[in-house]
Amino acid sequence: MSTIIATVLDIQSCDSLNIVKFDSDDIILTMMSLELNENITIGTKVKLTVKPTHVAIAKNFSGELSYSNQFKTTIVSCENGQLLCSLKLQYLDLFLESIITLNSSKKLNLKVGDEVTALIKASELSISEVLEC
């Protein structure tokens, strides 16, 4: 699991659905949640998590996508296995892991030093811990 320390910027709620915006090192992230801890309010510092298999990669990307969370990263490690590729990505002090198929890695010709866009759907981001209320 990749972890991201972030601060709650905004919470929009309707019935039991919540859309929460966070700031982490000037990256604005969005999370969709059906349940939200009552201690989570604007200004709360949290630890976010995302599974490596939920971090998609785009190279030389231009255009629009429905992914709420898109930010430029640099590949700092690229390990190809028989079927999968494990990527370690960096943006400033933030590190993420992405696991994609080996075929996708080859198709994109991914290598250490490449700048890629990390893509995370709002529904794939979750709060694992409240750090400061």
C-alpha atoms as a PDB file:
ATOM      1  CA  MET A   1       0.000   0.000   0.000  1.00  0.00           C
ATOM      2  CA  SER A   2       1.113   3.487  -0.779  1.00  0.00           C
ATOM      3  CA  THR A   3       0.485   6.073   1.934  1.00  0.00           C
ATOM      4  CA  ILE A   4      -0.001   9.799   1.515  1.00  0.00           C
ATOM      5  CA  ILE A   5      -0.131  12.341   4.353  1.00  0.00           C
ATOM      6  CA  ALA A   6      -2.724  14.992   3.531  1.00  0.00           C
ATOM      7  CA  THR A   7      -4.957  17.668   5.027  1.00  0.00           C
ATOM      8  CA  VAL A   8      -8.710  17.858   4.424  1.00  0.00           C
ATOM      9  CA  LEU A   9      -9.580  20.924   2.326  1.00  0.00           C
ATOM     10  CA  ASP A  10     -13.281  20.405   1.633  1.00  0.00           C
ATOM     11  CA  ILE A  11     -16.101  17.967   2.320  1.00  0.00           C
ATOM     12  CA  GLN A  12     -19.251  17.743   0.201  1.00  0.00           C
ATOM     13  CA  SER A  13     -21.993  15.420   1.425  1.00  0.00           C
ATOM     14  CA  CYS A  14     -25.324  14.255   0.077  1.00  0.00           C
ATOM     15  CA  ASP A  15     -27.231  11.519   1.906  1.00  0.00           C
ATOM     16  CA  SER A  16     -24.492   8.986   2.757  1.00  0.00           C
ATOM     17  CA  LEU A  17     -22.098   9.956  -0.065  1.00  0.00           C
ATOM     18  CA  ASN A  18     -19.072  12.142   0.677  1.00  0.00           C
ATOM     19  CA  ILE A  19     -16.611  13.777  -1.714  1.00  0.00           C
ATOM     20  CA  VAL A  20     -13.518  14.853   0.227  1.00  0.00           C
ATOM     21  CA  LYS A  21     -10.700  17.020  -1.148  1.00  0.00           C
ATOM     22  CA  PHE A  22      -7.205  16.871   0.332  1.00  0.00           C
ATOM     23  CA  ASP A  23      -3.922  18.746  -0.046  1.00  0.00           C
ATOM     24  CA  SER A  24      -0.618  16.855   0.004  1.00  0.00           C
ATOM     25  CA  ASP A  25       2.537  18.707  -1.061  1.00  0.00           C
ATOM     26  CA  ASP A  26       0.429  20.947  -3.332  1.00  0.00           C
ATOM     27  CA  ILE A  27      -1.272  17.932  -4.927  1.00  0.00           C
ATOM     28  CA  ILE A  28      -5.038  18.208  -4.664  1.00  0.00           C
ATOM     29  CA  LEU A  29      -6.546  14.749  -4.199  1.00  0.00           C
ATOM     30  CA  THR A  30     -10.198  13.723  -4.229  1.00  0.00           C
ATOM     31  CA  MET A  31     -11.790  10.770  -2.436  1.00  0.00           C
ATOM     32  CA  MET A  32     -15.293   9.371  -2.749  1.00  0.00           C
ATOM     33  CA  SER A  33     -16.607   7.679   0.399  1.00  0.00           C
ATOM     34  CA  LEU A  34     -19.865   6.192   1.639  1.00  0.00           C
ATOM     35  CA  GLU A  35     -18.749   6.430   5.265  1.00  0.00           C
ATOM     36  CA  LEU A  36     -16.803   9.245   6.872  1.00  0.00           C
ATOM     37  CA  ASN A  37     -15.492   9.250  10.430  1.00  0.00           C
ATOM     38  CA  GLU A  38     -17.145  12.055  12.431  1.00  0.00           C
ATOM     39  CA  ASN A  39     -13.659  13.266  13.526  1.00  0.00           C
ATOM     40  CA  ILE A  40     -12.814  14.165   9.931  1.00  0.00           C
ATOM     41  CA  THR A  41     -13.438  17.855   9.310  1.00  0.00           C
ATOM     42  CA  ILE A  42     -11.795  20.583   7.263  1.00  0.00           C
ATOM     43  CA  GLY A  43      -8.203  20.963   8.473  1.00  0.00           C
ATOM     44  CA  THR A  44      -7.902  17.368   9.727  1.00  0.00           C
ATOM     45  CA  LYS A  45      -4.572  15.724   8.908  1.00  0.00           C
ATOM     46  CA  VAL A  46      -4.937  12.128   7.695  1.00  0.00           C
ATOM     47  CA  LYS A  47      -3.032   9.233   6.227  1.00  0.00           C
ATOM     48  CA  LEU A  48      -4.465   8.161   2.863  1.00  0.00           C
ATOM     49  CA  THR A  49      -3.812   4.785   1.280  1.00  0.00           C
ATOM     50  CA  VAL A  50      -4.088   3.387  -2.203  1.00  0.00           C
ATOM     51  CA  LYS A  51      -3.333  -0.137  -3.398  1.00  0.00           C
ATOM     52  CA  PRO A  52      -0.502  -0.378  -5.966  1.00  0.00           C
ATOM     53  CA  THR A  53      -2.865  -2.156  -8.361  1.00  0.00           C
ATOM     54  CA  HIS A  54      -5.138   0.920  -8.275  1.00  0.00           C
ATOM     55  CA  VAL A  55      -2.481   3.362  -9.507  1.00  0.00           C
ATOM     56  CA  ALA A  56      -2.673   3.553 -13.301  1.00  0.00           C
ATOM     57  CA  ILE A  57       0.107   5.047 -15.427  1.00  0.00           C
ATOM     58  CA  ALA A  58       0.015   7.307 -18.484  1.00  0.00           C
ATOM     59  CA  LYS A  59       3.068   8.309 -20.511  1.00  0.00           C
ATOM     60  CA  ASN A  60       3.107  11.357 -22.805  1.00  0.00           C
ATOM     61  CA  PHE A  61      -0.463  11.968 -21.701  1.00  0.00           C
ATOM     62  CA  SER A  62      -2.532  14.832 -23.051  1.00  0.00           C
ATOM     63  CA  GLY A  63      -6.281  15.019 -22.950  1.00  0.00           C
ATOM     64  CA  GLU A  64      -9.078  14.539 -20.475  1.00  0.00           C
ATOM     65  CA  LEU A  65      -9.894  11.527 -18.304  1.00  0.00           C
ATOM     66  CA  SER A  66     -12.450  10.924 -15.573  1.00  0.00           C
ATOM     67  CA  TYR A  67      -9.703  10.090 -13.044  1.00  0.00           C
ATOM     68  CA  SER A  68     -10.013  12.680 -10.260  1.00  0.00           C
ATOM     69  CA  ASN A  69      -6.416  12.278  -9.139  1.00  0.00           C
ATOM     70  CA  GLN A  70      -3.777  12.924 -11.800  1.00  0.00           C
ATOM     71  CA  PHE A  71      -0.245  14.126 -11.139  1.00  0.00           C
ATOM     72  CA  LYS A  72       3.172  13.990 -12.747  1.00  0.00           C
ATOM     73  CA  THR A  73       5.680  11.630 -11.184  1.00  0.00           C
ATOM     74  CA  THR A  74       9.099  10.236 -12.033  1.00  0.00           C
ATOM     75  CA  ILE A  75       9.852   6.522 -12.173  1.00  0.00           C
ATOM     76  CA  VAL A  76      12.596   5.799  -9.615  1.00  0.00           C
ATOM     77  CA  SER A  77      12.392   2.002  -9.826  1.00  0.00           C
ATOM     78  CA  CYS A  78      11.044  -0.351 -12.491  1.00  0.00           C
ATOM     79  CA  GLU A  79      11.075  -4.091 -11.814  1.00  0.00           C
ATOM     80  CA  ASN A  80       9.723  -6.369 -14.523  1.00  0.00           C
ATOM     81  CA  GLY A  81       8.598  -9.873 -13.553  1.00  0.00           C
ATOM     82  CA  GLN A  82       7.166 -12.632 -15.699  1.00  0.00           C
ATOM     83  CA  LEU A  83       3.652 -11.135 -15.768  1.00  0.00           C
ATOM     84  CA  LEU A  84       3.710  -7.892 -13.796  1.00  0.00           C
ATOM     85  CA  CYS A  85       5.773  -4.735 -13.464  1.00  0.00           C
ATOM     86  CA  SER A  86       6.298  -2.960 -10.126  1.00  0.00           C
ATOM     87  CA  LEU A  87       6.983   0.770 -10.420  1.00  0.00           C
ATOM     88  CA  LYS A  88       8.105   3.133  -7.677  1.00  0.00           C
ATOM     89  CA  LEU A  89       7.057   6.698  -8.468  1.00  0.00           C
ATOM     90  CA  GLN A  90       8.160   9.976  -6.899  1.00  0.00           C
ATOM     91  CA  TYR A  91       6.697  13.468  -6.745  1.00  0.00           C
ATOM     92  CA  LEU A  92       8.701  15.713  -4.384  1.00  0.00           C
ATOM     93  CA  ASP A  93       8.709  13.778  -1.064  1.00  0.00           C
ATOM     94  CA  LEU A  94       5.749  11.598  -2.064  1.00  0.00           C
ATOM     95  CA  PHE A  95       6.420   8.010  -3.149  1.00  0.00           C
ATOM     96  CA  LEU A  96       3.827   5.725  -4.740  1.00  0.00           C
ATOM     97  CA  GLU A  97       3.906   2.168  -5.964  1.00  0.00           C
ATOM     98  CA  SER A  98       2.101   1.021  -9.086  1.00  0.00           C
ATOM     99  CA  ILE A  99       1.693  -2.542 -10.260  1.00  0.00           C
ATOM    100  CA  ILE A 100       0.749  -2.945 -13.910  1.00  0.00           C
ATOM    101  CA  THR A 101       0.985  -5.799 -16.390  1.00  0.00           C
ATOM    102  CA  LEU A 102       4.298  -6.539 -18.024  1.00  0.00           C
ATOM    103  CA  ASN A 103       2.618  -6.030 -21.410  1.00  0.00           C
ATOM    104  CA  SER A 104       1.600  -2.490 -20.417  1.00  0.00           C
ATOM    105  CA  SER A 105       5.114  -1.731 -19.198  1.00  0.00           C
ATOM    106  CA  LYS A 106       6.578  -2.908 -22.499  1.00  0.00           C
ATOM    107  CA  LYS A 107       3.940  -1.075 -24.554  1.00  0.00           C
ATOM    108  CA  LEU A 108       4.788   2.187 -22.769  1.00  0.00           C
ATOM    109  CA  ASN A 109       8.539   1.400 -22.854  1.00  0.00           C
ATOM    110  CA  LEU A 110       8.830   2.397 -19.184  1.00  0.00           C
ATOM    111  CA  LYS A 111      12.217   2.927 -17.591  1.00  0.00           C
ATOM    112  CA  VAL A 112      13.794   4.656 -14.604  1.00  0.00           C
ATOM    113  CA  GLY A 113      13.825   8.423 -15.062  1.00  0.00           C
ATOM    114  CA  ASP A 114      10.692   8.568 -17.229  1.00  0.00           C
ATOM    115  CA  GLU A 115       8.117  11.201 -16.326  1.00  0.00           C
ATOM    116  CA  VAL A 116       4.663   9.620 -16.158  1.00  0.00           C
ATOM    117  CA  THR A 117       1.248  10.653 -14.928  1.00  0.00           C
ATOM    118  CA  ALA A 118      -0.072   8.688 -11.950  1.00  0.00           C
ATOM    119  CA  LEU A 119      -3.839   8.189 -12.110  1.00  0.00           C
ATOM    120  CA  ILE A 120      -6.014   7.251  -9.122  1.00  0.00           C
ATOM    121  CA  LYS A 121      -9.804   7.065  -9.156  1.00  0.00           C
ATOM    122  CA  ALA A 122     -11.524   8.895  -6.286  1.00  0.00           C
ATOM    123  CA  SER A 123     -13.165   5.628  -5.231  1.00  0.00           C
ATOM    124  CA  GLU A 124      -9.752   3.917  -4.826  1.00  0.00           C
ATOM    125  CA  LEU A 125      -8.356   6.383  -2.276  1.00  0.00           C
ATOM    126  CA  SER A 126      -9.153   5.758   1.393  1.00  0.00           C
ATOM    127  CA  ILE A 127      -8.367   7.201   4.818  1.00  0.00           C
ATOM    128  CA  SER A 128      -6.414   4.703   6.908  1.00  0.00           C
ATOM    129  CA  GLU A 129      -5.708   6.899   9.918  1.00  0.00           C
ATOM    130  CA  VAL A 130      -6.645  10.250  11.424  1.00  0.00           C
ATOM    131  CA  LEU A 131      -3.385  11.938  12.462  1.00  0.00           C
ATOM    132  CA  GLU A 132      -4.556  15.295  13.834  1.00  0.00           C
ATOM    133  CA  CYS A 133      -8.082  16.622  14.372  1.00  0.00           C
END
